[in-house]
């Protein structure tokens, strides 16, 4: 599914130099490389303030904490996503309120989100799943109409863009009050361990987020804690390594898009499966290339066929949030979110990564073709 050694091989000398630089400086926590990386990523994202932190889940929690929500306040979350989206809500004593997703783009359905609003709703968390934006124009309009905060979980779509109604394009994760990303090693911009960041265009919120991520301390005021915060900091070493990788993100994104285009051409007209749809207004950076099959039985058959021919595949995600044991207390019944239920039974992701040789792309496509036409 992902060949990190092949992706890192051309960068080996620069990565080793970054490692040595940090070891010699010995500024392992809050070292100079952290702010340099934050500045460089912010410039890449169109001038956003970037607040690095320990991981993508912490980034979501920090974004929510910056809103000043109170226990029992509700946050709308898509039912089809990785558990961290709801987890960050629940761990703060807030209530995740689930809403269904769109069947073709896999992202939050604005109409379902609107139907989930109650007097306790304070925010909507949108997840840019698999590498493209949800309908940010509709969701931002919805939040503005109801005085709700919009939080973007952008862990899988760094580098994607959204076209605003005025025709301007902006970076995914920078439209709402705050966006988040993850530098988990498998992400499009991955570290060599955990890492994450919160994104915002609001300088005041950025200062607040820095404080929240560092035990509630303000810069230059060590041992003075102005609020209850977290110990959530990006290691200097990870920042230095990410600085080496960031200049290559655009080329890696283009490589993913080229692989996806080849898959589209080879698989687009096949019976028994559907290739990924594109959300109008969004670019797609293809963190995953995800097919949809007609049924769970069909998915199992394709996955077994792929395995027999040496092709890996993964189901992201096999269980919707409302059926996870940890969220049974929310009171949702099976079938409450039919699209999420159906996607969990039918989605299947194929290998895609920037270092994937053309011959491997062709082979994967040929195996899928052989199954679909068999």
Protein backbone atom coordinates (compact mmCIF):
# COMPACT_ATOMS: atom_id res chain seq x y z
CA UNK A 1 0.00 0.00 0.00
CA UNK A 2 2.87 2.39 0.76
CA UNK A 3 6.65 2.14 0.15
CA UNK A 4 8.26 4.66 2.48
CA UNK A 5 11.85 3.38 2.00
CA UNK A 6 11.55 3.95 -1.76
CA UNK A 7 10.06 7.41 -1.20
CA UNK A 8 12.78 8.38 1.27
CA UNK A 9 15.76 6.95 -0.64
CA UNK A 10 16.37 10.04 -2.81
CA UNK A 11 16.26 12.21 0.31
CA UNK A 12 18.63 10.07 2.39
CA UNK A 13 21.54 12.53 2.48
CA UNK A 14 19.33 15.48 3.41
CA UNK A 15 17.45 13.47 6.03
CA UNK A 16 20.69 12.33 7.66
CA UNK A 17 21.97 15.91 7.66
CA UNK A 18 18.79 17.07 9.40
CA UNK A 19 19.22 14.33 12.00
CA UNK A 20 22.80 15.36 12.65
CA UNK A 21 21.83 19.03 12.88
CA UNK A 22 19.33 18.34 15.65
CA UNK A 23 21.66 15.98 17.50
CA UNK A 24 24.42 18.58 17.51
CA UNK A 25 22.11 21.38 18.64
CA UNK A 26 20.49 19.07 21.24
CA UNK A 27 17.38 21.25 21.24
CA UNK A 28 15.08 18.26 21.13
CA UNK A 29 12.00 20.02 22.56
CA UNK A 30 10.77 23.32 21.06
CA UNK A 31 13.97 23.67 19.04
CA UNK A 32 14.44 26.16 16.24
CA UNK A 33 13.45 23.65 13.55
CA UNK A 34 9.88 23.52 14.89
CA UNK A 35 9.10 27.16 14.20
CA UNK A 36 10.97 27.04 10.89
CA UNK A 37 8.81 24.13 9.80
CA UNK A 38 5.66 25.91 11.00
CA UNK A 39 6.60 28.99 8.96
CA UNK A 40 7.38 26.96 5.84
CA UNK A 41 4.21 24.89 6.02
CA UNK A 42 2.19 28.05 6.64
CA UNK A 43 3.64 29.60 3.50
CA UNK A 44 2.81 26.43 1.54
CA UNK A 45 -0.78 26.68 2.79
CA UNK A 46 -1.26 30.26 1.66
CA UNK A 47 -0.14 32.14 4.73
CA UNK A 48 -1.95 30.18 7.43
CA UNK A 49 -0.68 30.15 11.00
CA UNK A 50 0.57 26.63 11.79
CA UNK A 51 0.71 25.43 15.39
CA UNK A 52 2.64 22.13 15.53
CA UNK A 53 1.62 19.53 18.10
CA UNK A 54 2.20 15.90 19.02
CA UNK A 55 -0.27 14.17 16.68
CA UNK A 56 -3.37 14.64 14.58
CA UNK A 57 -5.78 13.62 17.33
CA UNK A 58 -4.29 16.20 19.69
CA UNK A 59 -4.67 18.74 16.90
CA UNK A 60 -8.41 18.08 16.79
CA UNK A 61 -8.65 18.33 20.56
CA UNK A 62 -6.71 21.60 20.62
CA UNK A 63 -8.89 23.06 17.87
CA UNK A 64 -12.00 22.23 19.89
CA UNK A 65 -10.46 23.57 23.10
CA UNK A 66 -9.80 26.89 21.38
CA UNK A 67 -13.55 27.32 20.86
CA UNK A 68 -14.25 27.52 24.59
CA UNK A 69 -16.95 24.84 24.48
CA UNK A 70 -18.60 23.54 27.63
CA UNK A 71 -19.32 19.92 28.65
CA UNK A 72 -22.48 18.73 26.97
CA UNK A 73 -22.12 21.02 23.97
CA UNK A 74 -22.66 19.17 20.71
CA UNK A 75 -20.33 18.83 17.74
CA UNK A 76 -21.59 17.32 14.48
CA UNK A 77 -19.23 14.64 13.12
CA UNK A 78 -19.58 12.40 10.04
CA UNK A 79 -20.55 8.82 10.82
CA UNK A 80 -18.06 7.51 8.27
CA UNK A 81 -14.55 8.50 9.34
CA UNK A 82 -11.64 7.39 11.48
CA UNK A 83 -12.52 7.25 15.17
CA UNK A 84 -10.22 10.16 16.11
CA UNK A 85 -12.78 12.65 14.80
CA UNK A 86 -15.38 11.64 17.40
CA UNK A 87 -12.79 10.73 20.01
CA UNK A 88 -11.43 14.26 20.21
CA UNK A 89 -14.97 15.51 20.85
CA UNK A 90 -15.85 12.91 23.46
CA UNK A 91 -12.64 13.16 25.48
CA UNK A 92 -13.44 16.83 26.21
CA UNK A 93 -16.84 15.97 27.63
CA UNK A 94 -18.57 17.22 24.50
CA UNK A 95 -21.19 15.19 22.66
CA UNK A 96 -20.49 13.85 19.17
CA UNK A 97 -23.66 14.10 17.10
CA UNK A 98 -23.30 11.95 14.01
CA UNK A 99 -24.53 12.76 10.53
CA UNK A 100 -24.48 10.71 7.35
CA UNK A 101 -22.15 11.22 4.40
CA UNK A 102 -22.58 11.49 0.65
CA UNK A 103 -22.40 8.13 -1.15
CA UNK A 104 -20.03 9.15 -3.94
CA UNK A 105 -17.56 11.54 -2.26
CA UNK A 106 -17.69 9.86 1.20
CA UNK A 107 -17.75 13.26 2.94
CA UNK A 108 -20.23 14.94 5.27
CA UNK A 109 -23.65 15.51 3.70
CA UNK A 110 -24.57 19.18 4.28
CA UNK A 111 -28.29 18.31 4.41
CA UNK A 112 -27.67 15.60 7.01
CA UNK A 113 -25.55 18.02 9.03
CA UNK A 114 -28.34 20.60 8.91
CA UNK A 115 -30.85 18.02 10.14
CA UNK A 116 -28.57 17.16 13.09
CA UNK A 117 -28.45 20.70 14.49
CA UNK A 118 -30.05 21.20 17.91
CA UNK A 119 -30.04 24.10 20.40
CA UNK A 120 -26.88 22.54 21.94
CA UNK A 121 -24.92 22.40 18.67
CA UNK A 122 -21.80 24.54 18.76
CA UNK A 123 -19.60 23.26 15.93
CA UNK A 124 -19.43 21.12 12.82
CA UNK A 125 -16.36 18.95 12.25
CA UNK A 126 -15.90 18.16 8.57
CA UNK A 127 -13.48 15.42 7.48
CA UNK A 128 -11.73 15.74 4.11
CA UNK A 129 -11.68 12.00 3.63
CA UNK A 130 -9.27 10.12 1.36
CA UNK A 131 -7.73 13.32 -0.02
CA UNK A 132 -10.43 15.72 -1.18
CA UNK A 133 -12.50 18.44 0.45
CA UNK A 134 -16.05 18.06 1.57
CA UNK A 135 -18.46 20.68 0.25
CA UNK A 136 -16.96 23.56 2.19
CA UNK A 137 -19.11 26.23 0.60
CA UNK A 138 -22.35 24.56 1.68
CA UNK A 139 -21.00 23.63 5.11
CA UNK A 140 -19.54 27.06 5.80
CA UNK A 141 -22.83 28.66 4.78
CA UNK A 142 -24.67 26.29 7.12
CA UNK A 143 -22.35 27.19 10.01
CA UNK A 144 -22.72 30.91 9.37
CA UNK A 145 -26.51 30.63 9.28
CA UNK A 146 -26.56 28.92 12.69
CA UNK A 147 -23.57 30.70 14.32
CA UNK A 148 -21.56 27.48 14.50
CA UNK A 149 -17.80 26.99 14.32
CA UNK A 150 -16.41 24.97 11.42
CA UNK A 151 -13.49 22.65 12.18
CA UNK A 152 -11.71 20.89 9.30
CA UNK A 153 -10.13 17.48 9.93
CA UNK A 154 -7.57 17.68 7.13
CA UNK A 155 -5.36 14.74 8.14
CA UNK A 156 -5.82 13.06 4.75
CA UNK A 157 -5.96 16.03 2.37
CA UNK A 158 -2.94 18.26 2.98
CA UNK A 159 -2.20 20.08 -0.27
CA UNK A 160 -5.78 19.87 -1.56
CA UNK A 161 -7.51 23.13 -2.42
CA UNK A 162 -11.08 24.42 -2.37
CA UNK A 163 -12.53 26.96 -4.80
CA UNK A 164 -14.44 29.69 -3.01
CA UNK A 165 -17.60 31.23 -4.52
CA UNK A 166 -15.52 34.21 -5.74
CA UNK A 167 -13.33 31.85 -7.77
CA UNK A 168 -10.27 32.01 -5.51
CA UNK A 169 -8.70 28.74 -4.37
CA UNK A 170 -7.65 28.22 -0.77
CA UNK A 171 -5.83 25.42 0.98
CA UNK A 172 -7.88 22.69 2.59
CA UNK A 173 -7.83 23.12 6.35
CA UNK A 174 -7.78 26.92 6.21
CA UNK A 175 -11.45 27.71 5.53
CA UNK A 176 -13.01 27.15 8.96
CA UNK A 177 -12.17 28.60 12.36
CA UNK A 178 -9.45 25.97 12.61
CA UNK A 179 -8.17 23.06 10.59
CA UNK A 180 -5.98 20.17 11.60
CA UNK A 181 -3.53 17.80 9.99
CA UNK A 182 -1.53 14.72 10.89
CA UNK A 183 2.07 13.80 10.12
CA UNK A 184 1.59 10.11 10.87
CA UNK A 185 4.17 8.29 8.71
CA UNK A 186 1.61 7.03 6.17
CA UNK A 187 0.15 10.48 5.50
CA UNK A 188 0.96 12.40 2.30
CA UNK A 189 3.39 14.49 4.35
CA UNK A 190 4.52 11.99 6.96
CA UNK A 191 7.04 12.22 9.77
CA UNK A 192 9.18 9.39 11.16
CA UNK A 193 6.80 9.02 14.08
CA UNK A 194 3.78 10.91 15.37
CA UNK A 195 3.13 14.56 14.70
CA UNK A 196 0.34 16.98 13.88
CA UNK A 197 -0.61 20.63 13.56
CA UNK A 198 -3.52 23.04 13.89
CA UNK A 199 -4.08 25.55 11.10
CA UNK A 200 -5.81 28.93 11.30
CA UNK A 201 -5.81 32.34 9.63
CA UNK A 202 -6.64 33.99 12.98
CA UNK A 203 -3.48 35.25 14.70
CA UNK A 204 -5.26 35.47 18.05
CA UNK A 205 -6.46 31.89 17.83
CA UNK A 206 -2.96 30.76 16.84
CA UNK A 207 -1.52 32.37 19.98
CA UNK A 208 -4.21 30.68 22.05
CA UNK A 209 -3.44 27.31 20.42
CA UNK A 210 0.29 27.66 21.13
CA UNK A 211 -0.59 28.29 24.76
CA UNK A 212 -3.01 25.33 24.94
CA UNK A 213 -0.44 22.98 23.42
CA UNK A 214 2.24 23.95 25.95
CA UNK A 215 0.65 23.46 29.37
CA UNK A 216 -1.22 26.77 29.14
CA UNK A 217 2.01 28.80 29.13
CA UNK A 218 2.60 31.89 27.03
CA UNK A 219 5.93 32.40 25.24
CA UNK A 220 8.52 33.73 27.63
CA UNK A 221 6.40 33.00 30.72
CA UNK A 222 7.67 29.62 31.85
CA UNK A 223 5.94 28.22 34.93
CA UNK A 224 3.06 30.68 34.54
CA UNK A 225 0.01 28.72 33.39
CA UNK A 226 -2.84 30.90 32.20
CA UNK A 227 -5.21 28.07 31.28
CA UNK A 228 -5.51 24.30 31.47
CA UNK A 229 -3.61 22.99 28.47
CA UNK A 230 -1.93 19.90 27.10
CA UNK A 231 1.62 18.66 26.73
CA UNK A 232 1.40 18.36 22.95
CA UNK A 233 4.51 19.42 21.11
CA UNK A 234 6.07 18.35 17.83
CA UNK A 235 9.57 17.02 18.47
CA UNK A 236 12.38 19.08 16.99
CA UNK A 237 13.71 16.01 15.18
CA UNK A 238 10.37 15.37 13.47
CA UNK A 239 10.16 19.02 12.44
CA UNK A 240 13.64 18.90 10.92
CA UNK A 241 12.82 15.75 8.95
CA UNK A 242 9.50 17.19 7.80
CA UNK A 243 11.32 20.30 6.54
CA UNK A 244 13.30 18.03 4.22
CA UNK A 245 10.13 16.41 2.91
CA UNK A 246 7.87 19.47 2.57
CA UNK A 247 9.50 20.86 -0.63
CA UNK A 248 8.69 17.53 -2.33
CA UNK A 249 5.02 17.44 -1.35
CA UNK A 250 3.85 19.10 -4.56
CA UNK A 251 5.69 16.57 -6.74
CA UNK A 252 4.45 13.69 -4.61
CA UNK A 253 0.89 14.97 -4.92
CA UNK A 254 1.25 15.17 -8.69
CA UNK A 255 2.55 11.59 -8.75
CA UNK A 256 -0.46 10.40 -6.75
CA UNK A 257 -2.80 12.25 -9.11
CA UNK A 258 -1.13 10.67 -12.15
CA UNK A 259 -1.52 7.19 -10.66
CA UNK A 260 -5.16 7.91 -9.87
CA UNK A 261 -5.71 9.07 -13.46
CA UNK A 262 -4.26 5.81 -14.75
CA UNK A 263 -6.52 3.83 -12.43
CA UNK A 264 -9.49 5.92 -13.60
CA UNK A 265 -8.77 5.15 -17.24
CA UNK A 266 -8.26 1.45 -16.64
CA UNK A 267 -11.12 0.86 -14.21
CA UNK A 268 -13.68 3.57 -15.00
CA UNK A 269 -15.92 1.49 -17.26
CA UNK A 270 -15.69 -1.83 -15.45
CA UNK A 271 -18.81 -3.58 -14.22
CA UNK A 272 -19.10 -4.53 -10.55
CA UNK A 273 -17.24 -1.48 -9.16
CA UNK A 274 -17.22 2.32 -9.03
CA UNK A 275 -14.09 4.48 -9.11
CA UNK A 276 -13.75 7.49 -6.76
CA UNK A 277 -15.99 10.45 -7.55
CA UNK A 278 -14.65 14.00 -7.44
CA UNK A 279 -16.19 16.73 -5.32
CA UNK A 280 -16.89 19.79 -7.46
CA UNK A 281 -14.75 22.68 -6.25
CA UNK A 282 -12.03 20.50 -4.73
CA UNK A 283 -8.76 19.13 -5.96
CA UNK A 284 -7.93 15.58 -4.89
CA UNK A 285 -4.54 14.57 -3.45
CA UNK A 286 -5.40 10.86 -3.25
CA UNK A 287 -4.28 9.86 0.18
CA UNK A 288 -6.30 6.78 -0.76
CA UNK A 289 -7.72 5.53 -4.05
CA UNK A 290 -10.97 3.97 -2.93
CA UNK A 291 -13.29 1.81 -5.00
CA UNK A 292 -16.91 1.09 -4.13
CA UNK A 293 -18.24 -2.41 -4.77
CA UNK A 294 -21.85 -3.53 -5.15
CA UNK A 295 -21.94 -5.51 -1.90
CA UNK A 296 -19.84 -6.79 0.98
CA UNK A 297 -19.69 -10.18 -0.75
CA UNK A 298 -18.32 -8.58 -3.91
CA UNK A 299 -15.73 -6.65 -1.90
CA UNK A 300 -14.56 -9.79 -0.15
CA UNK A 301 -14.28 -11.57 -3.49
CA UNK A 302 -12.18 -8.77 -5.02
CA UNK A 303 -9.99 -8.48 -1.94
CA UNK A 304 -9.34 -12.22 -1.98
CA UNK A 305 -8.57 -12.14 -5.71
CA UNK A 306 -6.14 -9.27 -5.18
CA UNK A 307 -4.44 -11.14 -2.34
CA UNK A 308 -4.06 -14.25 -4.47
CA UNK A 309 -2.24 -12.15 -7.06
CA UNK A 310 0.03 -10.39 -4.57
CA UNK A 311 -1.82 -7.06 -4.46
CA UNK A 312 -2.53 -5.50 -1.04
CA UNK A 313 -5.77 -3.68 -0.30
CA UNK A 314 -7.31 -2.13 2.81
CA UNK A 315 -10.81 -1.29 4.02
CA UNK A 316 -10.95 2.28 5.39
CA UNK A 317 -13.21 1.87 7.46
CA UNK A 318 -15.03 -1.40 8.25
CA UNK A 319 -17.30 -0.11 11.06
CA UNK A 320 -19.19 3.21 11.19
CA UNK A 321 -18.84 5.32 14.32
CA UNK A 322 -22.38 4.67 15.58
CA UNK A 323 -21.70 0.92 15.71
CA UNK A 324 -18.36 1.20 17.51
CA UNK A 325 -18.58 -0.18 21.09
CA UNK A 326 -17.16 3.03 22.56
CA UNK A 327 -20.03 5.09 21.10
CA UNK A 328 -23.00 2.88 21.85
CA UNK A 329 -23.98 5.33 24.61
CA UNK A 330 -24.94 7.85 21.92
CA UNK A 331 -28.03 5.74 21.34
CA UNK A 332 -27.89 5.27 17.58
CA UNK A 333 -29.35 2.08 16.17
CA UNK A 334 -28.07 -0.02 13.26
CA UNK A 335 -29.29 1.57 10.04
CA UNK A 336 -29.39 5.08 11.49
CA UNK A 337 -26.86 6.20 8.88
CA UNK A 338 -27.54 4.08 5.80
CA UNK A 339 -24.88 5.59 3.56
CA UNK A 340 -22.15 5.15 6.18
CA UNK A 341 -23.35 1.59 6.82
CA UNK A 342 -23.25 0.80 3.11
CA UNK A 343 -19.81 2.32 2.57
CA UNK A 344 -18.34 0.35 5.45
CA UNK A 345 -19.53 -2.79 3.68
CA UNK A 346 -18.38 -1.86 0.19
CA UNK A 347 -15.30 0.44 0.07
CA UNK A 348 -11.86 -0.92 -0.79
CA UNK A 349 -8.63 1.05 -1.23
CA UNK A 350 -5.93 0.11 -3.75
CA UNK A 351 -2.19 0.80 -3.45
CA UNK A 352 -1.18 4.38 -4.27
CA UNK A 353 1.99 6.21 -3.29
CA UNK A 354 4.46 8.57 -4.99
CA UNK A 355 7.20 5.96 -5.43
CA UNK A 356 4.89 3.40 -7.06
CA UNK A 357 6.44 2.19 -10.34
CA UNK A 358 4.33 2.40 -13.48
CA UNK A 359 4.59 -1.37 -13.88
CA UNK A 360 3.00 -1.89 -10.47
CA UNK A 361 0.15 0.48 -11.32
CA UNK A 362 -0.48 -1.43 -14.54
CA UNK A 363 -0.35 -4.76 -12.74
CA UNK A 364 -2.84 -3.70 -10.07
CA UNK A 365 -5.20 -2.40 -12.76
CA UNK A 366 -4.89 -5.61 -14.77
CA UNK A 367 -5.69 -7.75 -11.74
CA UNK A 368 -8.77 -5.67 -10.95
CA UNK A 369 -9.82 -5.84 -14.61
CA UNK A 370 -9.41 -9.62 -14.65
CA UNK A 371 -11.67 -9.94 -11.61
CA UNK A 372 -14.33 -7.49 -12.84
CA UNK A 373 -14.55 -9.11 -16.26
CA UNK A 374 -14.27 -12.67 -15.03
